[in-house]
Amino acid sequence: MKQKLALSKINFILIAIGAVIIIAGLLLMTGPSSTETHFEPDIFSTRRIVVAPLVCFVGFIFMIVAIMYRKKESSDEERVNNL
């Protein structure tokens, strides 16, 4: 007996895309850090404090949409009943 999963194949593909977007945002946050002897002004760059968190946020929103996405299925019976 074949079990039907709660999420379809397209949901898993969209979730994977969302995960890649989140990982890209985390990679955008990386960079050199400051030490006790050397101050690195790059820690305040726009890429690290604005763009990367925004990319991560978009990835999380995309992930929520991917989980909730449901393909519209119109069967022949529904079309006949609507006429």
PDB file of N, CA and C in Angstrom:
ATOM      1  N   MET A   1       0.841  -1.171   0.000  1.00  0.00           N
ATOM      2  CA  MET A   1       0.000   0.000   0.000  1.00  0.00           C
ATOM      3  C   MET A   1       0.896   1.248   0.000  1.00  0.00           C
ATOM      4  N   LYS A   2       0.605   2.151  -0.909  1.00  0.00           N
ATOM      5  CA  LYS A   2       1.405   3.365  -1.047  1.00  0.00           C
ATOM      6  C   LYS A   2       0.804   4.473  -0.189  1.00  0.00           C
ATOM      7  N   GLN A   3       1.644   5.068   0.674  1.00  0.00           N
ATOM      8  CA  GLN A   3       1.178   6.160   1.515  1.00  0.00           C
ATOM      9  C   GLN A   3       1.298   7.479   0.763  1.00  0.00           C
ATOM     10  N   LYS A   4       0.326   8.331   0.992  1.00  0.00           N
ATOM     11  CA  LYS A   4       0.372   9.659   0.386  1.00  0.00           C
ATOM     12  C   LYS A   4       0.984  10.618   1.403  1.00  0.00           C
ATOM     13  N   LEU A   5       2.024  11.335   0.982  1.00  0.00           N
ATOM     14  CA  LEU A   5       2.699  12.284   1.862  1.00  0.00           C
ATOM     15  C   LEU A   5       1.885  13.570   1.986  1.00  0.00           C
ATOM     16  N   ALA A   6       2.082  14.263   3.083  1.00  0.00           N
ATOM     17  CA  ALA A   6       1.379  15.530   3.295  1.00  0.00           C
ATOM     18  C   ALA A   6       1.851  16.596   2.315  1.00  0.00           C
ATOM     19  N   LEU A   7       3.115  16.538   1.920  1.00  0.00           N
ATOM     20  CA  LEU A   7       3.680  17.490   0.972  1.00  0.00           C
ATOM     21  C   LEU A   7       3.988  16.781  -0.339  1.00  0.00           C
ATOM     22  N   SER A   8       3.811  17.490  -1.427  1.00  0.00           N
ATOM     23  CA  SER A   8       4.075  16.908  -2.739  1.00  0.00           C
ATOM     24  C   SER A   8       5.533  17.144  -3.156  1.00  0.00           C
ATOM     25  N   LYS A   9       5.852  16.635  -4.317  1.00  0.00           N
ATOM     26  CA  LYS A   9       7.215  16.769  -4.843  1.00  0.00           C
ATOM     27  C   LYS A   9       7.578  18.242  -5.060  1.00  0.00           C
ATOM     28  N   ILE A  10       6.625  19.018  -5.549  1.00  0.00           N
ATOM     29  CA  ILE A  10       6.895  20.443  -5.793  1.00  0.00           C
ATOM     30  C   ILE A  10       7.168  21.168  -4.478  1.00  0.00           C
ATOM     31  N   ASN A  11       6.491  20.761  -3.392  1.00  0.00           N
ATOM     32  CA  ASN A  11       6.754  21.378  -2.090  1.00  0.00           C
ATOM     33  C   ASN A  11       8.202  21.151  -1.669  1.00  0.00           C
ATOM     34  N   PHE A  12       8.690  19.939  -1.844  1.00  0.00           N
ATOM     35  CA  PHE A  12      10.061  19.642  -1.443  1.00  0.00           C
ATOM     36  C   PHE A  12      11.069  20.393  -2.304  1.00  0.00           C
ATOM     37  N   ILE A  13      10.764  20.558  -3.570  1.00  0.00           N
ATOM     38  CA  ILE A  13      11.657  21.324  -4.449  1.00  0.00           C
ATOM     39  C   ILE A  13      11.693  22.790  -4.009  1.00  0.00           C
ATOM     40  N   LEU A  14      10.528  23.354  -3.694  1.00  0.00           N
ATOM     41  CA  LEU A  14      10.469  24.751  -3.248  1.00  0.00           C
ATOM     42  C   LEU A  14      11.153  24.927  -1.897  1.00  0.00           C
ATOM     43  N   ILE A  15      11.016  23.954  -1.003  1.00  0.00           N
ATOM     44  CA  ILE A  15      11.699  24.010   0.291  1.00  0.00           C
ATOM     45  C   ILE A  15      13.212  24.002   0.091  1.00  0.00           C
ATOM     46  N   ALA A  16      13.695  23.186  -0.833  1.00  0.00           N
ATOM     47  CA  ALA A  16      15.131  23.136  -1.119  1.00  0.00           C
ATOM     48  C   ALA A  16      15.621  24.483  -1.667  1.00  0.00           C
ATOM     49  N   ILE A  17      14.820  25.110  -2.523  1.00  0.00           N
ATOM     50  CA  ILE A  17      15.182  26.422  -3.052  1.00  0.00           C
ATOM     51  C   ILE A  17      15.241  27.449  -1.918  1.00  0.00           C
ATOM     52  N   GLY A  18      14.271  27.394  -1.002  1.00  0.00           N
ATOM     53  CA  GLY A  18      14.282  28.281   0.153  1.00  0.00           C
ATOM     54  C   GLY A  18      15.510  28.083   1.020  1.00  0.00           C
ATOM     55  N   ALA A  19      15.913  26.821   1.214  1.00  0.00           N
ATOM     56  CA  ALA A  19      17.108  26.531   2.002  1.00  0.00           C
ATOM     57  C   ALA A  19      18.358  27.099   1.333  1.00  0.00           C
ATOM     58  N   VAL A  20      18.423  27.010   0.023  1.00  0.00           N
ATOM     59  CA  VAL A  20      19.574  27.564  -0.709  1.00  0.00           C
ATOM     60  C   VAL A  20      19.617  29.087  -0.561  1.00  0.00           C
ATOM     61  N   ILE A  21      18.447  29.739  -0.591  1.00  0.00           N
ATOM     62  CA  ILE A  21      18.397  31.194  -0.421  1.00  0.00           C
ATOM     63  C   ILE A  21      18.888  31.580   0.980  1.00  0.00           C
ATOM     64  N   ILE A  22      18.465  30.822   1.994  1.00  0.00           N
ATOM     65  CA  ILE A  22      18.899  31.107   3.363  1.00  0.00           C
ATOM     66  C   ILE A  22      20.403  30.912   3.502  1.00  0.00           C
ATOM     67  N   ILE A  23      20.930  29.843   2.933  1.00  0.00           N
ATOM     68  CA  ILE A  23      22.375  29.600   2.993  1.00  0.00           C
ATOM     69  C   ILE A  23      23.138  30.706   2.281  1.00  0.00           C
ATOM     70  N   ALA A  24      22.592  31.192   1.157  1.00  0.00           N
ATOM     71  CA  ALA A  24      23.241  32.301   0.451  1.00  0.00           C
ATOM     72  C   ALA A  24      23.288  33.552   1.329  1.00  0.00           C
ATOM     73  N   GLY A  25      22.202  33.801   2.062  1.00  0.00           N
ATOM     74  CA  GLY A  25      22.185  34.942   2.974  1.00  0.00           C
ATOM     75  C   GLY A  25      23.207  34.800   4.080  1.00  0.00           C
ATOM     76  N   LEU A  26      23.343  33.602   4.616  1.00  0.00           N
ATOM     77  CA  LEU A  26      24.337  33.372   5.659  1.00  0.00           C
ATOM     78  C   LEU A  26      25.759  33.531   5.125  1.00  0.00           C
ATOM     79  N   LEU A  27      25.979  33.098   3.900  1.00  0.00           N
ATOM     80  CA  LEU A  27      27.306  33.272   3.301  1.00  0.00           C
ATOM     81  C   LEU A  27      27.616  34.749   3.041  1.00  0.00           C
ATOM     82  N   LEU A  28      26.571  35.528   2.724  1.00  0.00           N
ATOM     83  CA  LEU A  28      26.789  36.968   2.533  1.00  0.00           C
ATOM     84  C   LEU A  28      27.197  37.655   3.834  1.00  0.00           C
ATOM     85  N   MET A  29      26.820  37.076   4.971  1.00  0.00           N
ATOM     86  CA  MET A  29      27.178  37.668   6.267  1.00  0.00           C
ATOM     87  C   MET A  29      28.627  37.406   6.660  1.00  0.00           C
ATOM     88  N   THR A  30      29.262  36.436   6.036  1.00  0.00           N
ATOM     89  CA  THR A  30      30.616  36.080   6.432  1.00  0.00           C
ATOM     90  C   THR A  30      31.612  37.131   5.960  1.00  0.00           C
ATOM     91  N   GLY A  31      32.751  37.134   6.596  1.00  0.00           N
ATOM     92  CA  GLY A  31      33.814  38.062   6.237  1.00  0.00           C
ATOM     93  C   GLY A  31      34.821  38.157   7.362  1.00  0.00           C
ATOM     94  N   PRO A  32      35.811  38.986   7.180  1.00  0.00           N
ATOM     95  CA  PRO A  32      36.836  39.115   8.223  1.00  0.00           C
ATOM     96  C   PRO A  32      36.256  39.738   9.489  1.00  0.00           C
ATOM     97  N   SER A  33      36.787  39.337  10.617  1.00  0.00           N
ATOM     98  CA  SER A  33      36.313  39.873  11.891  1.00  0.00           C
ATOM     99  C   SER A  33      37.382  40.761  12.514  1.00  0.00           C
ATOM    100  N   SER A  34      36.965  41.547  13.459  1.00  0.00           N
ATOM    101  CA  SER A  34      37.903  42.402  14.190  1.00  0.00           C
ATOM    102  C   SER A  34      38.580  41.593  15.290  1.00  0.00           C
ATOM    103  N   THR A  35      39.807  41.972  15.583  1.00  0.00           N
ATOM    104  CA  THR A  35      40.534  41.356  16.693  1.00  0.00           C
ATOM    105  C   THR A  35      40.851  42.443  17.715  1.00  0.00           C
ATOM    106  N   GLU A  36      41.488  42.037  18.787  1.00  0.00           N
ATOM    107  CA  GLU A  36      41.847  43.023  19.811  1.00  0.00           C
ATOM    108  C   GLU A  36      42.884  44.016  19.309  1.00  0.00           C
ATOM    109  N   THR A  37      43.720  43.599  18.374  1.00  0.00           N
ATOM    110  CA  THR A  37      44.778  44.479  17.885  1.00  0.00           C
ATOM    111  C   THR A  37      44.425  45.183  16.574  1.00  0.00           C
ATOM    112  N   HIS A  38      43.439  44.670  15.846  1.00  0.00           N
ATOM    113  CA  HIS A  38      43.114  45.241  14.533  1.00  0.00           C
ATOM    114  C   HIS A  38      41.593  45.391  14.401  1.00  0.00           C
ATOM    115  N   PHE A  39      41.138  46.596  14.093  1.00  0.00           N
ATOM    116  CA  PHE A  39      39.726  46.859  13.856  1.00  0.00           C
ATOM    117  C   PHE A  39      39.424  46.691  12.377  1.00  0.00           C
ATOM    118  N   GLU A  40      38.420  45.904  12.070  1.00  0.00           N
ATOM    119  CA  GLU A  40      38.018  45.664  10.678  1.00  0.00           C
ATOM    120  C   GLU A  40      36.729  46.437  10.407  1.00  0.00           C
ATOM    121  N   PRO A  41      36.786  47.537   9.646  1.00  0.00           N
ATOM    122  CA  PRO A  41      35.567  48.330   9.397  1.00  0.00           C
ATOM    123  C   PRO A  41      34.547  47.612   8.508  1.00  0.00           C
ATOM    124  N   ASP A  42      34.946  46.521   7.863  1.00  0.00           N
ATOM    125  CA  ASP A  42      34.037  45.776   6.988  1.00  0.00           C
ATOM    126  C   ASP A  42      32.879  45.142   7.760  1.00  0.00           C
ATOM    127  N   ILE A  43      32.993  45.040   9.093  1.00  0.00           N
ATOM    128  CA  ILE A  43      31.885  44.443   9.848  1.00  0.00           C
ATOM    129  C   ILE A  43      30.643  45.317   9.802  1.00  0.00           C
ATOM    130  N   PHE A  44      30.776  46.574   9.424  1.00  0.00           N
ATOM    131  CA  PHE A  44      29.636  47.481   9.316  1.00  0.00           C
ATOM    132  C   PHE A  44      29.240  47.733   7.863  1.00  0.00           C
ATOM    133  N   SER A  45      29.647  46.874   6.954  1.00  0.00           N
ATOM    134  CA  SER A  45      29.309  47.075   5.547  1.00  0.00           C
ATOM    135  C   SER A  45      27.818  46.829   5.311  1.00  0.00           C
ATOM    136  N   THR A  46      27.299  47.458   4.283  1.00  0.00           N
ATOM    137  CA  THR A  46      25.882  47.317   3.939  1.00  0.00           C
ATOM    138  C   THR A  46      25.541  45.872   3.598  1.00  0.00           C
ATOM    139  N   ARG A  47      26.459  45.195   2.971  1.00  0.00           N
ATOM    140  CA  ARG A  47      26.222  43.798   2.601  1.00  0.00           C
ATOM    141  C   ARG A  47      25.985  42.938   3.834  1.00  0.00           C
ATOM    142  N   ARG A  48      26.742  43.178   4.888  1.00  0.00           N
ATOM    143  CA  ARG A  48      26.670  42.322   6.077  1.00  0.00           C
ATOM    144  C   ARG A  48      25.551  42.688   7.031  1.00  0.00           C
ATOM    145  N   ILE A  49      25.128  43.951   7.065  1.00  0.00           N
ATOM    146  CA  ILE A  49      24.111  44.321   8.048  1.00  0.00           C
ATOM    147  C   ILE A  49      22.745  44.626   7.440  1.00  0.00           C
ATOM    148  N   VAL A  50      22.655  44.709   6.099  1.00  0.00           N
ATOM    149  CA  VAL A  50      21.368  44.989   5.471  1.00  0.00           C
ATOM    150  C   VAL A  50      20.991  43.907   4.466  1.00  0.00           C
ATOM    151  N   VAL A  51      21.859  43.690   3.493  1.00  0.00           N
ATOM    152  CA  VAL A  51      21.531  42.793   2.389  1.00  0.00           C
ATOM    153  C   VAL A  51      21.406  41.340   2.858  1.00  0.00           C
ATOM    154  N   ALA A  52      22.381  40.848   3.597  1.00  0.00           N
ATOM    155  CA  ALA A  52      22.375  39.440   4.019  1.00  0.00           C
ATOM    156  C   ALA A  52      21.183  39.097   4.910  1.00  0.00           C
ATOM    157  N   PRO A  53      20.866  39.889   5.929  1.00  0.00           N
ATOM    158  CA  PRO A  53      19.668  39.566   6.717  1.00  0.00           C
ATOM    159  C   PRO A  53      18.379  39.623   5.891  1.00  0.00           C
ATOM    160  N   LEU A  54      18.321  40.566   4.927  1.00  0.00           N
ATOM    161  CA  LEU A  54      17.153  40.652   4.062  1.00  0.00           C
ATOM    162  C   LEU A  54      17.024  39.404   3.190  1.00  0.00           C
ATOM    163  N   VAL A  55      18.132  38.906   2.663  1.00  0.00           N
ATOM    164  CA  VAL A  55      18.117  37.680   1.858  1.00  0.00           C
ATOM    165  C   VAL A  55      17.666  36.499   2.710  1.00  0.00           C
ATOM    166  N   CYS A  56      18.163  36.402   3.941  1.00  0.00           N
ATOM    167  CA  CYS A  56      17.733  35.325   4.842  1.00  0.00           C
ATOM    168  C   CYS A  56      16.240  35.423   5.136  1.00  0.00           C
ATOM    169  N   PHE A  57      15.754  36.631   5.398  1.00  0.00           N
ATOM    170  CA  PHE A  57      14.332  36.829   5.679  1.00  0.00           C
ATOM    171  C   PHE A  57      13.472  36.395   4.497  1.00  0.00           C
ATOM    172  N   VAL A  58      13.873  36.782   3.291  1.00  0.00           N
ATOM    173  CA  VAL A  58      13.147  36.374   2.088  1.00  0.00           C
ATOM    174  C   VAL A  58      13.170  34.851   1.955  1.00  0.00           C
ATOM    175  N   GLY A  59      14.302  34.229   2.282  1.00  0.00           N
ATOM    176  CA  GLY A  59      14.389  32.769   2.236  1.00  0.00           C
ATOM    177  C   GLY A  59      13.435  32.104   3.207  1.00  0.00           C
ATOM    178  N   PHE A  60      13.311  32.654   4.423  1.00  0.00           N
ATOM    179  CA  PHE A  60      12.381  32.088   5.401  1.00  0.00           C
ATOM    180  C   PHE A  60      10.930  32.271   4.967  1.00  0.00           C
ATOM    181  N   ILE A  61      10.599  33.432   4.417  1.00  0.00           N
ATOM    182  CA  ILE A  61       9.244  33.656   3.911  1.00  0.00           C
ATOM    183  C   ILE A  61       8.957  32.702   2.755  1.00  0.00           C
ATOM    184  N   PHE A  62       9.921  32.524   1.862  1.00  0.00           N
ATOM    185  CA  PHE A  62       9.769  31.594   0.744  1.00  0.00           C
ATOM    186  C   PHE A  62       9.558  30.170   1.252  1.00  0.00           C
ATOM    187  N   MET A  63      10.264  29.810   2.328  1.00  0.00           N
ATOM    188  CA  MET A  63      10.120  28.473   2.912  1.00  0.00           C
ATOM    189  C   MET A  63       8.707  28.269   3.459  1.00  0.00           C
ATOM    190  N   ILE A  64       8.147  29.274   4.107  1.00  0.00           N
ATOM    191  CA  ILE A  64       6.777  29.170   4.628  1.00  0.00           C
ATOM    192  C   ILE A  64       5.786  29.003   3.479  1.00  0.00           C
ATOM    193  N   VAL A  65       5.959  29.790   2.428  1.00  0.00           N
ATOM    194  CA  VAL A  65       5.088  29.682   1.261  1.00  0.00           C
ATOM    195  C   VAL A  65       5.248  28.310   0.616  1.00  0.00           C
ATOM    196  N   ALA A  66       6.462  27.796   0.559  1.00  0.00           N
ATOM    197  CA  ALA A  66       6.708  26.487  -0.050  1.00  0.00           C
ATOM    198  C   ALA A  66       6.013  25.375   0.722  1.00  0.00           C
ATOM    199  N   ILE A  67       5.969  25.481   2.034  1.00  0.00           N
ATOM    200  CA  ILE A  67       5.300  24.458   2.837  1.00  0.00           C
ATOM    201  C   ILE A  67       3.784  24.536   2.654  1.00  0.00           C
ATOM    202  N   MET A  68       3.261  25.752   2.556  1.00  0.00           N
ATOM    203  CA  MET A  68       1.812  25.922   2.453  1.00  0.00           C
ATOM    204  C   MET A  68       1.280  25.781   1.031  1.00  0.00           C
ATOM    205  N   TYR A  69       2.161  25.769   0.023  1.00  0.00           N
ATOM    206  CA  TYR A  69       1.737  25.716  -1.377  1.00  0.00           C
ATOM    207  C   TYR A  69       0.970  24.429  -1.663  1.00  0.00           C
ATOM    208  N   ARG A  70      -0.152  24.585  -2.323  1.00  0.00           N
ATOM    209  CA  ARG A  70      -0.938  23.426  -2.731  1.00  0.00           C
ATOM    210  C   ARG A  70      -1.360  23.632  -4.175  1.00  0.00           C
ATOM    211  N   LYS A  71      -1.068  22.667  -5.009  1.00  0.00           N
ATOM    212  CA  LYS A  71      -1.403  22.749  -6.415  1.00  0.00           C
ATOM    213  C   LYS A  71      -2.918  22.631  -6.576  1.00  0.00           C
ATOM    214  N   LYS A  72      -3.483  23.508  -7.391  1.00  0.00           N
ATOM    215  CA  LYS A  72      -4.919  23.451  -7.634  1.00  0.00           C
ATOM    216  C   LYS A  72      -5.215  22.278  -8.555  1.00  0.00           C
ATOM    217  N   GLU A  73      -6.078  21.408  -8.082  1.00  0.00           N
ATOM    218  CA  GLU A  73      -6.459  20.244  -8.880  1.00  0.00           C
ATOM    219  C   GLU A  73      -7.918  20.389  -9.282  1.00  0.00           C
ATOM    220  N   SER A  74      -8.160  20.480 -10.562  1.00  0.00           N
ATOM    221  CA  SER A  74      -9.530  20.554 -11.042  1.00  0.00           C
ATOM    222  C   SER A  74      -9.854  19.244 -11.745  1.00  0.00           C
ATOM    223  N   SER A  75     -10.800  18.545 -11.203  1.00  0.00           N
ATOM    224  CA  SER A  75     -11.184  17.271 -11.798  1.00  0.00           C
ATOM    225  C   SER A  75     -12.359  17.479 -12.754  1.00  0.00           C
ATOM    226  N   ASP A  76     -12.672  16.454 -13.492  1.00  0.00           N
ATOM    227  CA  ASP A  76     -13.781  16.535 -14.444  1.00  0.00           C
ATOM    228  C   ASP A  76     -15.111  16.722 -13.721  1.00  0.00           C
ATOM    229  N   GLU A  77     -15.265  16.106 -12.558  1.00  0.00           N
ATOM    230  CA  GLU A  77     -16.518  16.215 -11.806  1.00  0.00           C
ATOM    231  C   GLU A  77     -16.753  17.651 -11.348  1.00  0.00           C
ATOM    232  N   GLU A  78     -15.701  18.325 -10.896  1.00  0.00           N
ATOM    233  CA  GLU A  78     -15.845  19.710 -10.459  1.00  0.00           C
ATOM    234  C   GLU A  78     -16.243  20.615 -11.607  1.00  0.00           C
ATOM    235  N   ARG A  79     -15.676  20.385 -12.780  1.00  0.00           N
ATOM    236  CA  ARG A  79     -16.011  21.193 -13.943  1.00  0.00           C
ATOM    237  C   ARG A  79     -17.456  20.973 -14.369  1.00  0.00           C
ATOM    238  N   VAL A  80     -17.923  19.745 -14.293  1.00  0.00           N
ATOM    239  CA  VAL A  80     -19.315  19.437 -14.671  1.00  0.00           C
ATOM    240  C   VAL A  80     -20.264  20.055 -13.656  1.00  0.00           C
ATOM    241  N   ASN A  81     -19.926  19.987 -12.354  1.00  0.00           N
ATOM    242  CA  ASN A  81     -20.796  20.551 -11.323  1.00  0.00           C
ATOM    243  C   ASN A  81     -20.871  22.074 -11.388  1.00  0.00           C
ATOM    244  N   ASN A  82     -19.816  22.714 -11.856  1.00  0.00           N
ATOM    245  CA  ASN A  82     -19.805  24.160 -11.938  1.00  0.00           C
ATOM    246  C   ASN A  82     -20.600  24.686 -13.135  1.00  0.00           C
ATOM    247  N   LEU A  83     -20.898  23.827 -14.093  1.00  0.00           N
ATOM    248  CA  LEU A  83     -21.660  24.258 -15.275  1.00  0.00           C
ATOM    249  C   LEU A  83     -23.091  24.307 -14.954  1.00  0.00           C
TER     250      LEU A  83
END
